[in-house]
Amino acid sequence: RLALALADVLGPDTEVDVRVADALHAPLDQLLARDD
């Protein structure tokens, strides 16, 4: 619910990468993966 509201706040042009996940259990290597 909050993720949807957050998308509303940020608007369609945002570059924020919003992930719906549980930070206690989600694989951190996926949450923190970067190319650089």
Full PDB file with SEQRES, HELIX, SHEET, SSBOND, CRYST1, ORIGX, SCALE, CONECT and MASTER records, all heavy atoms in Angstrom:
SEQRES   1 A   36  ARG LEU ALA LEU ALA LEU ALA ASP VAL LEU GLY PRO ASP          
SEQRES   2 A   36  THR GLU VAL ASP VAL ARG VAL ALA ASP ALA LEU HIS ALA          
SEQRES   3 A   36  PRO LEU ASP GLN LEU LEU ALA ARG ASP ASP                      
HELIX    1 AA1 LEU A    2  LEU A   10  1                                   9    
HELIX    2 AA2 LEU A   28  LEU A   31  1                                   4    
CRYST1    1.000    1.000    1.000  90.00  90.00  90.00 P 1           1          
ORIGX1      1.000000  0.000000  0.000000        0.00000                         
ORIGX2      0.000000  1.000000  0.000000        0.00000                         
ORIGX3      0.000000  0.000000  1.000000        0.00000                         
SCALE1      1.000000  0.000000  0.000000        0.00000                         
SCALE2      0.000000  1.000000  0.000000        0.00000                         
SCALE3      0.000000  0.000000  1.000000        0.00000                         
ATOM      1  N   ARG A   1       0.836  -1.209   0.000  1.00  0.00           N  
ATOM      2  CA  ARG A   1       0.000   0.000   0.000  1.00  0.00           C  
ATOM      3  C   ARG A   1       0.866   1.251   0.000  1.00  0.00           C  
ATOM      4  O   ARG A   1       0.608   2.213  -0.747  1.00  0.00           O  
ATOM      5  CB  ARG A   1      -0.911   0.028   1.219  1.00  0.00           C  
ATOM      6  CG  ARG A   1      -1.793  -1.189   1.437  1.00  0.00           C  
ATOM      7  CD  ARG A   1      -2.448  -1.084   2.821  1.00  0.00           C  
ATOM      8  NE  ARG A   1      -1.473  -0.805   3.858  1.00  0.00           N  
ATOM      9  CZ  ARG A   1      -1.739  -0.186   5.013  1.00  0.00           C  
ATOM     10  NH1 ARG A   1      -2.963   0.237   5.266  1.00  0.00           N  
ATOM     11  NH2 ARG A   1      -0.786   0.010   5.917  1.00  0.00           N  
ATOM     12  N   LEU A   2       1.901   1.242   0.826  1.00  0.00           N  
ATOM     13  CA  LEU A   2       2.780   2.404   0.905  1.00  0.00           C  
ATOM     14  C   LEU A   2       3.631   2.550  -0.348  1.00  0.00           C  
ATOM     15  O   LEU A   2       3.933   3.664  -0.773  1.00  0.00           O  
ATOM     16  CB  LEU A   2       3.668   2.312   2.146  1.00  0.00           C  
ATOM     17  CG  LEU A   2       2.954   2.444   3.492  1.00  0.00           C  
ATOM     18  CD1 LEU A   2       3.957   2.349   4.629  1.00  0.00           C  
ATOM     19  CD2 LEU A   2       2.189   3.762   3.574  1.00  0.00           C  
ATOM     20  N   ALA A   3       4.024   1.421  -0.937  1.00  0.00           N  
ATOM     21  CA  ALA A   3       4.800   1.488  -2.173  1.00  0.00           C  
ATOM     22  C   ALA A   3       4.001   2.178  -3.271  1.00  0.00           C  
ATOM     23  O   ALA A   3       4.546   2.974  -4.057  1.00  0.00           O  
ATOM     24  CB  ALA A   3       5.214   0.086  -2.607  1.00  0.00           C  
ATOM     25  N   LEU A   4       2.704   1.910  -3.339  1.00  0.00           N  
ATOM     26  CA  LEU A   4       1.854   2.563  -4.333  1.00  0.00           C  
ATOM     27  C   LEU A   4       1.711   4.059  -4.029  1.00  0.00           C  
ATOM     28  O   LEU A   4       1.762   4.900  -4.937  1.00  0.00           O  
ATOM     29  CB  LEU A   4       0.485   1.895  -4.368  1.00  0.00           C  
ATOM     30  CG  LEU A   4       0.452   0.454  -4.902  1.00  0.00           C  
ATOM     31  CD1 LEU A   4      -0.930  -0.164  -4.704  1.00  0.00           C  
ATOM     32  CD2 LEU A   4       0.852   0.426  -6.373  1.00  0.00           C  
ATOM     33  N   ALA A   5       1.535   4.387  -2.763  1.00  0.00           N  
ATOM     34  CA  ALA A   5       1.441   5.801  -2.382  1.00  0.00           C  
ATOM     35  C   ALA A   5       2.756   6.521  -2.645  1.00  0.00           C  
ATOM     36  O   ALA A   5       2.772   7.685  -3.070  1.00  0.00           O  
ATOM     37  CB  ALA A   5       1.045   5.920  -0.911  1.00  0.00           C  
ATOM     38  N   LEU A   6       3.868   5.838  -2.405  1.00  0.00           N  
ATOM     39  CA  LEU A   6       5.183   6.433  -2.667  1.00  0.00           C  
ATOM     40  C   LEU A   6       5.343   6.744  -4.155  1.00  0.00           C  
ATOM     41  O   LEU A   6       5.874   7.803  -4.524  1.00  0.00           O  
ATOM     42  CB  LEU A   6       6.281   5.478  -2.203  1.00  0.00           C  
ATOM     43  CG  LEU A   6       7.724   5.912  -2.440  1.00  0.00           C  
ATOM     44  CD1 LEU A   6       8.033   7.220  -1.725  1.00  0.00           C  
ATOM     45  CD2 LEU A   6       8.699   4.818  -1.982  1.00  0.00           C  
ATOM     46  N   ALA A   7       4.890   5.836  -5.006  1.00  0.00           N  
ATOM     47  CA  ALA A   7       4.952   6.091  -6.449  1.00  0.00           C  
ATOM     48  C   ALA A   7       4.136   7.329  -6.807  1.00  0.00           C  
ATOM     49  O   ALA A   7       4.521   8.116  -7.694  1.00  0.00           O  
ATOM     50  CB  ALA A   7       4.446   4.869  -7.210  1.00  0.00           C  
ATOM     51  N   ASP A   8       3.013   7.531  -6.129  1.00  0.00           N  
ATOM     52  CA  ASP A   8       2.182   8.717  -6.325  1.00  0.00           C  
ATOM     53  C   ASP A   8       2.948   9.976  -5.943  1.00  0.00           C  
ATOM     54  O   ASP A   8       2.939  10.989  -6.655  1.00  0.00           O  
ATOM     55  CB  ASP A   8       0.905   8.566  -5.494  1.00  0.00           C  
ATOM     56  CG  ASP A   8      -0.069   9.719  -5.683  1.00  0.00           C  
ATOM     57  OD1 ASP A   8       0.132  10.535  -6.591  1.00  0.00           O  
ATOM     58  OD2 ASP A   8      -1.049   9.793  -4.910  1.00  0.00           O  
ATOM     59  N   VAL A   9       3.642   9.925  -4.811  1.00  0.00           N  
ATOM     60  CA  VAL A   9       4.410  11.087  -4.342  1.00  0.00           C  
ATOM     61  C   VAL A   9       5.551  11.417  -5.300  1.00  0.00           C  
ATOM     62  O   VAL A   9       5.792  12.586  -5.636  1.00  0.00           O  
ATOM     63  CB  VAL A   9       4.969  10.806  -2.931  1.00  0.00           C  
ATOM     64  CG1 VAL A   9       5.963  11.890  -2.519  1.00  0.00           C  
ATOM     65  CG2 VAL A   9       3.832  10.719  -1.922  1.00  0.00           C  
ATOM     66  N   LEU A  10       6.255  10.396  -5.761  1.00  0.00           N  
ATOM     67  CA  LEU A  10       7.444  10.614  -6.578  1.00  0.00           C  
ATOM     68  C   LEU A  10       7.115  10.993  -8.020  1.00  0.00           C  
ATOM     69  O   LEU A  10       7.899  11.680  -8.677  1.00  0.00           O  
ATOM     70  CB  LEU A  10       8.317   9.350  -6.562  1.00  0.00           C  
ATOM     71  CG  LEU A  10       8.877   8.956  -5.198  1.00  0.00           C  
ATOM     72  CD1 LEU A  10       9.588   7.605  -5.289  1.00  0.00           C  
ATOM     73  CD2 LEU A  10       9.830  10.020  -4.663  1.00  0.00           C  
ATOM     74  N   GLY A  11       5.966  10.548  -8.500  1.00  0.00           N  
ATOM     75  CA  GLY A  11       5.568  10.877  -9.858  1.00  0.00           C  
ATOM     76  C   GLY A  11       6.177   9.953 -10.890  1.00  0.00           C  
ATOM     77  O   GLY A  11       7.076   9.164 -10.599  1.00  0.00           O  
ATOM     78  N   PRO A  12       5.705  10.046 -12.142  1.00  0.00           N  
ATOM     79  CA  PRO A  12       6.119   9.088 -13.182  1.00  0.00           C  
ATOM     80  C   PRO A  12       7.553   9.260 -13.664  1.00  0.00           C  
ATOM     81  O   PRO A  12       8.108   8.340 -14.262  1.00  0.00           O  
ATOM     82  CB  PRO A  12       5.129   9.372 -14.317  1.00  0.00           C  
ATOM     83  CG  PRO A  12       4.712  10.802 -14.109  1.00  0.00           C  
ATOM     84  CD  PRO A  12       4.694  11.009 -12.630  1.00  0.00           C  
ATOM     85  N   ASP A  13       8.129  10.413 -13.431  1.00  0.00           N  
ATOM     86  CA  ASP A  13       9.476  10.667 -13.968  1.00  0.00           C  
ATOM     87  C   ASP A  13      10.589  10.384 -12.972  1.00  0.00           C  
ATOM     88  O   ASP A  13      11.759  10.664 -13.244  1.00  0.00           O  
ATOM     89  CB  ASP A  13       9.581  12.122 -14.444  1.00  0.00           C  
ATOM     90  CG  ASP A  13       8.594  12.430 -15.564  1.00  0.00           C  
ATOM     91  OD1 ASP A  13       8.341  11.526 -16.387  1.00  0.00           O  
ATOM     92  OD2 ASP A  13       8.080  13.562 -15.591  1.00  0.00           O  
ATOM     93  N   THR A  14      10.240   9.846 -11.813  1.00  0.00           N  
ATOM     94  CA  THR A  14      11.263   9.605 -10.791  1.00  0.00           C  
ATOM     95  C   THR A  14      12.251   8.540 -11.236  1.00  0.00           C  
ATOM     96  O   THR A  14      11.903   7.616 -11.984  1.00  0.00           O  
ATOM     97  CB  THR A  14      10.621   9.169  -9.469  1.00  0.00           C  
ATOM     98  OG1 THR A  14      11.659   8.958  -8.502  1.00  0.00           O  
ATOM     99  CG2 THR A  14       9.867   7.856  -9.637  1.00  0.00           C  
ATOM    100  N   GLU A  15      13.464   8.679 -10.753  1.00  0.00           N  
ATOM    101  CA  GLU A  15      14.473   7.650 -10.989  1.00  0.00           C  
ATOM    102  C   GLU A  15      14.715   6.806  -9.741  1.00  0.00           C  
ATOM    103  O   GLU A  15      15.644   6.001  -9.703  1.00  0.00           O  
ATOM    104  CB  GLU A  15      15.785   8.297 -11.447  1.00  0.00           C  
ATOM    105  CG  GLU A  15      15.664   8.993 -12.798  1.00  0.00           C  
ATOM    106  CD  GLU A  15      16.980   9.538 -13.289  1.00  0.00           C  
ATOM    107  OE1 GLU A  15      17.985   9.422 -12.561  1.00  0.00           O  
ATOM    108  OE2 GLU A  15      17.009  10.103 -14.398  1.00  0.00           O  
ATOM    109  N   VAL A  16      13.871   6.983  -8.738  1.00  0.00           N  
ATOM    110  CA  VAL A  16      13.982   6.161  -7.524  1.00  0.00           C  
ATOM    111  C   VAL A  16      13.590   4.722  -7.866  1.00  0.00           C  
ATOM    112  O   VAL A  16      12.563   4.478  -8.506  1.00  0.00           O  
ATOM    113  CB  VAL A  16      13.085   6.701  -6.400  1.00  0.00           C  
ATOM    114  CG1 VAL A  16      13.130   5.769  -5.191  1.00  0.00           C  
ATOM    115  CG2 VAL A  16      13.525   8.104  -5.999  1.00  0.00           C  
ATOM    116  N   ASP A  17      14.425   3.796  -7.450  1.00  0.00           N  
ATOM    117  CA  ASP A  17      14.178   2.371  -7.673  1.00  0.00           C  
ATOM    118  C   ASP A  17      13.453   1.831  -6.445  1.00  0.00           C  
ATOM    119  O   ASP A  17      14.061   1.614  -5.401  1.00  0.00           O  
ATOM    120  CB  ASP A  17      15.514   1.656  -7.880  1.00  0.00           C  
ATOM    121  CG  ASP A  17      15.356   0.171  -8.168  1.00  0.00           C  
ATOM    122  OD1 ASP A  17      14.207  -0.311  -8.173  1.00  0.00           O  
ATOM    123  OD2 ASP A  17      16.380  -0.501  -8.361  1.00  0.00           O  
ATOM    124  N   VAL A  18      12.134   1.643  -6.554  1.00  0.00           N  
ATOM    125  CA  VAL A  18      11.325   1.186  -5.425  1.00  0.00           C  
ATOM    126  C   VAL A  18      11.159  -0.322  -5.518  1.00  0.00           C  
ATOM    127  O   VAL A  18      10.676  -0.847  -6.523  1.00  0.00           O  
ATOM    128  CB  VAL A  18       9.945   1.868  -5.407  1.00  0.00           C  
ATOM    129  CG1 VAL A  18       9.124   1.364  -4.215  1.00  0.00           C  
ATOM    130  CG2 VAL A  18      10.094   3.387  -5.342  1.00  0.00           C  
ATOM    131  N   ARG A  19      11.565  -1.015  -4.460  1.00  0.00           N  
ATOM    132  CA  ARG A  19      11.435  -2.470  -4.392  1.00  0.00           C  
ATOM    133  C   ARG A  19      10.458  -2.820  -3.266  1.00  0.00           C  
ATOM    134  O   ARG A  19      10.598  -2.324  -2.142  1.00  0.00           O  
ATOM    135  CB  ARG A  19      12.783  -3.131  -4.086  1.00  0.00           C  
ATOM    136  CG  ARG A  19      13.930  -2.704  -5.000  1.00  0.00           C  
ATOM    137  CD  ARG A  19      13.890  -3.419  -6.319  1.00  0.00           C  
ATOM    138  NE  ARG A  19      15.021  -3.046  -7.163  1.00  0.00           N  
ATOM    139  CZ  ARG A  19      16.152  -3.761  -7.243  1.00  0.00           C  
ATOM    140  NH1 ARG A  19      16.290  -4.878  -6.529  1.00  0.00           N  
ATOM    141  NH2 ARG A  19      17.128  -3.370  -8.043  1.00  0.00           N  
ATOM    142  N   VAL A  20       9.481  -3.662  -3.568  1.00  0.00           N  
ATOM    143  CA  VAL A  20       8.577  -4.172  -2.530  1.00  0.00           C  
ATOM    144  C   VAL A  20       9.204  -5.457  -2.003  1.00  0.00           C  
ATOM    145  O   VAL A  20       9.218  -6.489  -2.677  1.00  0.00           O  
ATOM    146  CB  VAL A  20       7.167  -4.431  -3.080  1.00  0.00           C  
ATOM    147  CG1 VAL A  20       6.265  -4.975  -1.969  1.00  0.00           C  
ATOM    148  CG2 VAL A  20       6.580  -3.147  -3.660  1.00  0.00           C  
ATOM    149  N   ALA A  21       9.755  -5.378  -0.807  1.00  0.00           N  
ATOM    150  CA  ALA A  21      10.501  -6.507  -0.251  1.00  0.00           C  
ATOM    151  C   ALA A  21      10.653  -6.325   1.247  1.00  0.00           C  
ATOM    152  O   ALA A  21      10.473  -5.222   1.780  1.00  0.00           O  
ATOM    153  CB  ALA A  21      11.882  -6.620  -0.907  1.00  0.00           C  
ATOM    154  N   ASP A  22      11.003  -7.411   1.915  1.00  0.00           N  
ATOM    155  CA  ASP A  22      11.253  -7.415   3.357  1.00  0.00           C  
ATOM    156  C   ASP A  22      12.767  -7.350   3.571  1.00  0.00           C  
ATOM    157  O   ASP A  22      13.486  -8.303   3.264  1.00  0.00           O  
ATOM    158  CB  ASP A  22      10.674  -8.691   3.967  1.00  0.00           C  
ATOM    159  CG  ASP A  22      10.825  -8.758   5.478  1.00  0.00           C  
ATOM    160  OD1 ASP A  22      11.550  -7.911   6.043  1.00  0.00           O  
ATOM    161  OD2 ASP A  22      10.236  -9.666   6.088  1.00  0.00           O  
ATOM    162  N   ALA A  23      13.234  -6.233   4.084  1.00  0.00           N  
ATOM    163  CA  ALA A  23      14.677  -6.042   4.255  1.00  0.00           C  
ATOM    164  C   ALA A  23      15.287  -7.019   5.243  1.00  0.00           C  
ATOM    165  O   ALA A  23      16.504  -7.201   5.259  1.00  0.00           O  
ATOM    166  CB  ALA A  23      14.971  -4.612   4.697  1.00  0.00           C  
ATOM    167  N   LEU A  24      14.459  -7.660   6.057  1.00  0.00           N  
ATOM    168  CA  LEU A  24      14.980  -8.645   7.002  1.00  0.00           C  
ATOM    169  C   LEU A  24      15.267  -9.986   6.346  1.00  0.00           C  
ATOM    170  O   LEU A  24      16.085 -10.762   6.849  1.00  0.00           O  
ATOM    171  CB  LEU A  24      13.986  -8.863   8.146  1.00  0.00           C  
ATOM    172  CG  LEU A  24      14.062  -7.897   9.323  1.00  0.00           C  
ATOM    173  CD1 LEU A  24      12.991  -8.242  10.337  1.00  0.00           C  
ATOM    174  CD2 LEU A  24      15.436  -7.920   9.970  1.00  0.00           C  
ATOM    175  N   HIS A  25      14.611 -10.264   5.221  1.00  0.00           N  
ATOM    176  CA  HIS A  25      14.701 -11.603   4.654  1.00  0.00           C  
ATOM    177  C   HIS A  25      15.052 -11.645   3.173  1.00  0.00           C  
ATOM    178  O   HIS A  25      15.511 -12.680   2.687  1.00  0.00           O  
ATOM    179  CB  HIS A  25      13.387 -12.353   4.884  1.00  0.00           C  
ATOM    180  CG  HIS A  25      12.978 -12.441   6.314  1.00  0.00           C  
ATOM    181  ND1 HIS A  25      13.665 -13.191   7.246  1.00  0.00           N  
ATOM    182  CD2 HIS A  25      11.969 -11.829   6.988  1.00  0.00           C  
ATOM    183  CE1 HIS A  25      13.095 -13.060   8.429  1.00  0.00           C  
ATOM    184  NE2 HIS A  25      12.059 -12.244   8.301  1.00  0.00           N  
ATOM    185  N   ALA A  26      14.839 -10.573   2.449  1.00  0.00           N  
ATOM    186  CA  ALA A  26      15.127 -10.576   1.016  1.00  0.00           C  
ATOM    187  C   ALA A  26      16.626 -10.749   0.773  1.00  0.00           C  
ATOM    188  O   ALA A  26      17.450 -10.270   1.569  1.00  0.00           O  
ATOM    189  CB  ALA A  26      14.645  -9.273   0.379  1.00  0.00           C  
ATOM    190  N   PRO A  27      17.017 -11.425  -0.299  1.00  0.00           N  
ATOM    191  CA  PRO A  27      18.443 -11.600  -0.594  1.00  0.00           C  
ATOM    192  C   PRO A  27      19.135 -10.248  -0.797  1.00  0.00           C  
ATOM    193  O   PRO A  27      18.773  -9.485  -1.693  1.00  0.00           O  
ATOM    194  CB  PRO A  27      18.431 -12.416  -1.894  1.00  0.00           C  
ATOM    195  CG  PRO A  27      17.096 -13.073  -1.931  1.00  0.00           C  
ATOM    196  CD  PRO A  27      16.150 -12.116  -1.267  1.00  0.00           C  
ATOM    197  N   LEU A  28      20.108  -9.964   0.032  1.00  0.00           N  
ATOM    198  CA  LEU A  28      20.776  -8.669  -0.040  1.00  0.00           C  
ATOM    199  C   LEU A  28      21.599  -8.508  -1.313  1.00  0.00           C  
ATOM    200  O   LEU A  28      21.778  -7.393  -1.801  1.00  0.00           O  
ATOM    201  CB  LEU A  28      21.661  -8.471   1.194  1.00  0.00           C  
ATOM    202  CG  LEU A  28      20.906  -8.251   2.509  1.00  0.00           C  
ATOM    203  CD1 LEU A  28      21.875  -8.181   3.673  1.00  0.00           C  
ATOM    204  CD2 LEU A  28      20.066  -6.980   2.450  1.00  0.00           C  
ATOM    205  N   ASP A  29      22.107  -9.613  -1.852  1.00  0.00           N  
ATOM    206  CA  ASP A  29      22.875  -9.489  -3.084  1.00  0.00           C  
ATOM    207  C   ASP A  29      22.005  -8.981  -4.223  1.00  0.00           C  
ATOM    208  O   ASP A  29      22.493  -8.291  -5.133  1.00  0.00           O  
ATOM    209  CB  ASP A  29      23.538 -10.817  -3.453  1.00  0.00           C  
ATOM    210  CG  ASP A  29      22.531 -11.952  -3.624  1.00  0.00           C  
ATOM    211  OD1 ASP A  29      21.386 -11.811  -3.156  1.00  0.00           O  
ATOM    212  OD2 ASP A  29      22.903 -12.969  -4.222  1.00  0.00           O  
ATOM    213  N   GLN A  30      20.704  -9.285  -4.180  1.00  0.00           N  
ATOM    214  CA  GLN A  30      19.791  -8.767  -5.195  1.00  0.00           C  
ATOM    215  C   GLN A  30      19.396  -7.321  -4.902  1.00  0.00           C  
ATOM    216  O   GLN A  30      19.352  -6.486  -5.809  1.00  0.00           O  
ATOM    217  CB  GLN A  30      18.546  -9.650  -5.276  1.00  0.00           C  
ATOM    218  CG  GLN A  30      18.814 -11.074  -5.739  1.00  0.00           C  
ATOM    219  CD  GLN A  30      17.559 -11.924  -5.764  1.00  0.00           C  
ATOM    220  OE1 GLN A  30      16.441 -11.418  -5.763  1.00  0.00           O  
ATOM    221  NE2 GLN A  30      17.738 -13.245  -5.780  1.00  0.00           N  
ATOM    222  N   LEU A  31      19.122  -7.021  -3.643  1.00  0.00           N  
ATOM    223  CA  LEU A  31      18.720  -5.655  -3.292  1.00  0.00           C  
ATOM    224  C   LEU A  31      19.841  -4.650  -3.541  1.00  0.00           C  
ATOM    225  O   LEU A  31      19.578  -3.479  -3.842  1.00  0.00           O  
ATOM    226  CB  LEU A  31      18.296  -5.586  -1.827  1.00  0.00           C  
ATOM    227  CG  LEU A  31      16.972  -6.254  -1.445  1.00  0.00           C  
ATOM    228  CD1 LEU A  31      16.683  -6.022   0.024  1.00  0.00           C  
ATOM    229  CD2 LEU A  31      15.829  -5.715  -2.291  1.00  0.00           C  
ATOM    230  N   LEU A  32      21.089  -5.092  -3.418  1.00  0.00           N  
ATOM    231  CA  LEU A  32      22.227  -4.173  -3.517  1.00  0.00           C  
ATOM    232  C   LEU A  32      23.013  -4.339  -4.815  1.00  0.00           C  
ATOM    233  O   LEU A  32      24.091  -3.755  -4.958  1.00  0.00           O  
ATOM    234  CB  LEU A  32      23.157  -4.373  -2.317  1.00  0.00           C  
ATOM    235  CG  LEU A  32      22.531  -4.108  -0.943  1.00  0.00           C  
ATOM    236  CD1 LEU A  32      23.488  -4.500   0.162  1.00  0.00           C  
ATOM    237  CD2 LEU A  32      22.135  -2.645  -0.812  1.00  0.00           C  
ATOM    238  N   ALA A  33      22.487  -5.106  -5.745  1.00  0.00           N  
ATOM    239  CA  ALA A  33      23.213  -5.334  -6.997  1.00  0.00           C  
ATOM    240  C   ALA A  33      23.360  -4.029  -7.781  1.00  0.00           C  
ATOM    241  O   ALA A  33      22.413  -3.258  -7.928  1.00  0.00           O  
ATOM    242  CB  ALA A  33      22.470  -6.365  -7.846  1.00  0.00           C  
ATOM    243  N   ARG A  34      24.574  -3.772  -8.262  1.00  0.00           N  
ATOM    244  CA  ARG A  34      24.862  -2.582  -9.076  1.00  0.00           C  
ATOM    245  C   ARG A  34      25.852  -2.965 -10.160  1.00  0.00           C  
ATOM    246  O   ARG A  34      26.675  -3.859  -9.996  1.00  0.00           O  
ATOM    247  CB  ARG A  34      25.480  -1.468  -8.221  1.00  0.00           C  
ATOM    248  CG  ARG A  34      24.574  -0.877  -7.179  1.00  0.00           C  
ATOM    249  CD  ARG A  34      25.290   0.235  -6.417  1.00  0.00           C  
ATOM    250  NE  ARG A  34      25.702   1.300  -7.312  1.00  0.00           N  
ATOM    251  CZ  ARG A  34      24.910   2.323  -7.661  1.00  0.00           C  
ATOM    252  NH1 ARG A  34      23.691   2.394  -7.182  1.00  0.00           N  
ATOM    253  NH2 ARG A  34      25.332   3.263  -8.466  1.00  0.00           N  
ATOM    254  N   ASP A  35      25.783  -2.228 -11.252  1.00  0.00           N  
ATOM    255  CA  ASP A  35      26.706  -2.488 -12.354  1.00  0.00           C  
ATOM    256  C   ASP A  35      28.063  -1.816 -12.149  1.00  0.00           C  
ATOM    257  O   ASP A  35      29.075  -2.286 -12.657  1.00  0.00           O  
ATOM    258  CB  ASP A  35      26.108  -2.005 -13.682  1.00  0.00           C  
ATOM    259  CG  ASP A  35      24.878  -2.800 -14.091  1.00  0.00           C  
ATOM    260  OD1 ASP A  35      24.803  -3.986 -13.715  1.00  0.00           O  
ATOM    261  OD2 ASP A  35      24.002  -2.228 -14.763  1.00  0.00           O  
ATOM    262  N   ASP A  36      28.070  -0.718 -11.379  1.00  0.00           N  
ATOM    263  CA  ASP A  36      29.306   0.065 -11.274  1.00  0.00           C  
ATOM    264  C   ASP A  36      30.166  -0.328 -10.081  1.00  0.00           C  
ATOM    265  O   ASP A  36      31.279   0.191  -9.918  1.00  0.00           O  
ATOM    266  CB  ASP A  36      28.989   1.560 -11.218  1.00  0.00           C  
ATOM    267  CG  ASP A  36      28.031   1.925 -10.098  1.00  0.00           C  
ATOM    268  OD1 ASP A  36      27.902   1.133  -9.140  1.00  0.00           O  
ATOM    269  OD2 ASP A  36      27.409   2.992 -10.178  1.00  0.00           O  
TER     270      ASP A  36                                                      
MASTER        0    0    0    2    0    0    0    6  269    1    0    3          
END                                                                             
